[in-house]
């Protein structure tokens, strides 16, 4: 669904971004292997950072700052990953 969100941000409308056939075609343009590998890296990064934020005890201000930085990294990785996948889609679409 990150591909749909990126398409919406690129000036698309909600009707086209929720069309699963168009999403499948977009993934076909990227290549399923590349898409699944990129998506897996995004998810693993988010899961690992979430694990680090959830299973550490906030006792001092340093722990709170560390946890906040990790949550910010989760946000950044997720949206930079979405942007990267969409960039690959646009580049492959232009080559076709």
C-alpha atoms as a PDB file:
ATOM      1  CA  UNK A   1       0.000   0.000   0.000  1.00  0.00           C
ATOM      2  CA  UNK A   2       2.969   2.336   0.289  1.00  0.00           C
ATOM      3  CA  UNK A   3       3.014   2.494  -3.488  1.00  0.00           C
ATOM      4  CA  UNK A   4      -0.583   3.748  -3.412  1.00  0.00           C
ATOM      5  CA  UNK A   5       0.256   6.415  -0.847  1.00  0.00           C
ATOM      6  CA  UNK A   6       3.209   7.573  -2.947  1.00  0.00           C
ATOM      7  CA  UNK A   7       1.001   7.728  -6.057  1.00  0.00           C
ATOM      8  CA  UNK A   8      -1.555   9.759  -4.129  1.00  0.00           C
ATOM      9  CA  UNK A   9       1.160  12.154  -2.984  1.00  0.00           C
ATOM     10  CA  UNK A  10       2.327  12.483  -6.595  1.00  0.00           C
ATOM     11  CA  UNK A  11      -0.987  14.003  -7.605  1.00  0.00           C
ATOM     12  CA  UNK A  12      -3.161  10.944  -8.037  1.00  0.00           C
ATOM     13  CA  UNK A  13      -6.704  10.610  -6.796  1.00  0.00           C
ATOM     14  CA  UNK A  14      -8.048   8.200  -4.203  1.00  0.00           C
ATOM     15  CA  UNK A  15     -10.046   6.151  -6.720  1.00  0.00           C
ATOM     16  CA  UNK A  16      -6.949   5.322  -8.776  1.00  0.00           C
ATOM     17  CA  UNK A  17      -4.730   4.670  -5.777  1.00  0.00           C
ATOM     18  CA  UNK A  18      -7.086   2.048  -4.339  1.00  0.00           C
ATOM     19  CA  UNK A  19      -7.366   0.168  -7.632  1.00  0.00           C
ATOM     20  CA  UNK A  20      -5.631  -3.131  -6.867  1.00  0.00           C
ATOM     21  CA  UNK A  21      -5.215  -4.000 -10.545  1.00  0.00           C
ATOM     22  CA  UNK A  22      -3.212  -0.788 -11.065  1.00  0.00           C
ATOM     23  CA  UNK A  23      -1.162  -1.551  -7.959  1.00  0.00           C
ATOM     24  CA  UNK A  24      -0.378  -5.007  -9.371  1.00  0.00           C
ATOM     25  CA  UNK A  25       0.642  -3.456 -12.693  1.00  0.00           C
ATOM     26  CA  UNK A  26       2.870  -0.964 -10.871  1.00  0.00           C
ATOM     27  CA  UNK A  27       4.573  -3.824  -9.022  1.00  0.00           C
ATOM     28  CA  UNK A  28       4.942  -5.622 -12.355  1.00  0.00           C
ATOM     29  CA  UNK A  29       6.779  -2.548 -13.658  1.00  0.00           C
ATOM     30  CA  UNK A  30       9.137  -2.593 -10.660  1.00  0.00           C
ATOM     31  CA  UNK A  31       9.519  -6.355 -10.673  1.00  0.00           C
ATOM     32  CA  UNK A  32       8.097  -8.590  -7.972  1.00  0.00           C
ATOM     33  CA  UNK A  33      11.496  -9.751  -6.748  1.00  0.00           C
ATOM     34  CA  UNK A  34      12.857  -6.216  -6.371  1.00  0.00           C
ATOM     35  CA  UNK A  35       9.621  -4.949  -4.836  1.00  0.00           C
ATOM     36  CA  UNK A  36       9.392  -7.749  -2.297  1.00  0.00           C
ATOM     37  CA  UNK A  37      13.060  -7.378  -1.337  1.00  0.00           C
ATOM     38  CA  UNK A  38      12.749  -3.596  -0.860  1.00  0.00           C
ATOM     39  CA  UNK A  39       9.504  -3.995   1.068  1.00  0.00           C
ATOM     40  CA  UNK A  40      11.075  -6.687   3.265  1.00  0.00           C
ATOM     41  CA  UNK A  41      13.978  -4.377   4.142  1.00  0.00           C
ATOM     42  CA  UNK A  42      11.551  -1.624   5.119  1.00  0.00           C
ATOM     43  CA  UNK A  43       9.443  -3.938   7.302  1.00  0.00           C
ATOM     44  CA  UNK A  44      12.455  -5.556   8.988  1.00  0.00           C
ATOM     45  CA  UNK A  45      13.935  -2.152   9.808  1.00  0.00           C
ATOM     46  CA  UNK A  46      10.654  -0.951  11.277  1.00  0.00           C
ATOM     47  CA  UNK A  47      10.179  -4.157  13.289  1.00  0.00           C
ATOM     48  CA  UNK A  48      13.701  -4.099  14.725  1.00  0.00           C
ATOM     49  CA  UNK A  49      13.508  -0.428  15.690  1.00  0.00           C
ATOM     50  CA  UNK A  50      10.035  -0.908  17.171  1.00  0.00           C
ATOM     51  CA  UNK A  51      11.340  -3.835  19.206  1.00  0.00           C
ATOM     52  CA  UNK A  52      14.145  -1.638  20.538  1.00  0.00           C
ATOM     53  CA  UNK A  53      11.715   1.115  21.540  1.00  0.00           C
ATOM     54  CA  UNK A  54       9.180  -1.210  23.156  1.00  0.00           C
ATOM     55  CA  UNK A  55      11.512  -3.414  25.155  1.00  0.00           C
ATOM     56  CA  UNK A  56      13.683  -0.891  26.826  1.00  0.00           C
ATOM     57  CA  UNK A  57      12.782   0.691  30.119  1.00  0.00           C
ATOM     58  CA  UNK A  58      12.604   4.474  30.203  1.00  0.00           C
ATOM     59  CA  UNK A  59      14.121   5.440  33.514  1.00  0.00           C
ATOM     60  CA  UNK A  60      16.227   8.476  32.740  1.00  0.00           C
ATOM     61  CA  UNK A  61      15.976  11.369  30.334  1.00  0.00           C
ATOM     62  CA  UNK A  62      18.686   9.740  28.183  1.00  0.00           C
ATOM     63  CA  UNK A  63      16.495   6.658  27.729  1.00  0.00           C
ATOM     64  CA  UNK A  64      13.579   8.851  26.717  1.00  0.00           C
ATOM     65  CA  UNK A  65      15.716  10.720  24.199  1.00  0.00           C
ATOM     66  CA  UNK A  66      17.044   7.420  22.812  1.00  0.00           C
ATOM     67  CA  UNK A  67      13.515   6.089  22.440  1.00  0.00           C
ATOM     68  CA  UNK A  68      12.380   9.275  20.706  1.00  0.00           C
ATOM     69  CA  UNK A  69      15.283   9.096  18.262  1.00  0.00           C
ATOM     70  CA  UNK A  70      14.450   5.467  17.466  1.00  0.00           C
ATOM     71  CA  UNK A  71      10.806   6.363  16.809  1.00  0.00           C
ATOM     72  CA  UNK A  72      11.919   9.173  14.534  1.00  0.00           C
ATOM     73  CA  UNK A  73      14.120   6.708  12.644  1.00  0.00           C
ATOM     74  CA  UNK A  74      11.119   4.405  12.205  1.00  0.00           C
ATOM     75  CA  UNK A  75       9.163   7.253  10.640  1.00  0.00           C
ATOM     76  CA  UNK A  76      12.068   8.286   8.397  1.00  0.00           C
ATOM     77  CA  UNK A  77      12.841   4.747   7.216  1.00  0.00           C
ATOM     78  CA  UNK A  78       9.212   4.037   6.433  1.00  0.00           C
ATOM     79  CA  UNK A  79       8.677   7.128   4.312  1.00  0.00           C
ATOM     80  CA  UNK A  80      12.100   7.132   2.665  1.00  0.00           C
ATOM     81  CA  UNK A  81      11.478   3.505   1.756  1.00  0.00           C
ATOM     82  CA  UNK A  82       8.127   4.390   0.225  1.00  0.00           C
ATOM     83  CA  UNK A  83       9.776   7.174  -1.730  1.00  0.00           C
ATOM     84  CA  UNK A  84      12.521   4.855  -2.960  1.00  0.00           C
ATOM     85  CA  UNK A  85      10.060   2.221  -4.158  1.00  0.00           C
ATOM     86  CA  UNK A  86       8.029   4.872  -5.960  1.00  0.00           C
ATOM     87  CA  UNK A  87      11.188   6.335  -7.515  1.00  0.00           C
ATOM     88  CA  UNK A  88      12.102   2.904  -8.905  1.00  0.00           C
ATOM     89  CA  UNK A  89       8.555   2.575 -10.257  1.00  0.00           C
ATOM     90  CA  UNK A  90       8.723   5.966 -12.000  1.00  0.00           C
ATOM     91  CA  UNK A  91      12.153   5.233 -13.484  1.00  0.00           C
ATOM     92  CA  UNK A  92      11.077   1.820 -14.773  1.00  0.00           C
ATOM     93  CA  UNK A  93       7.832   3.262 -16.111  1.00  0.00           C
ATOM     94  CA  UNK A  94       9.724   5.901 -18.094  1.00  0.00           C
ATOM     95  CA  UNK A  95      12.070   3.268 -19.538  1.00  0.00           C
ATOM     96  CA  UNK A  96       9.136   1.160 -20.764  1.00  0.00           C
END
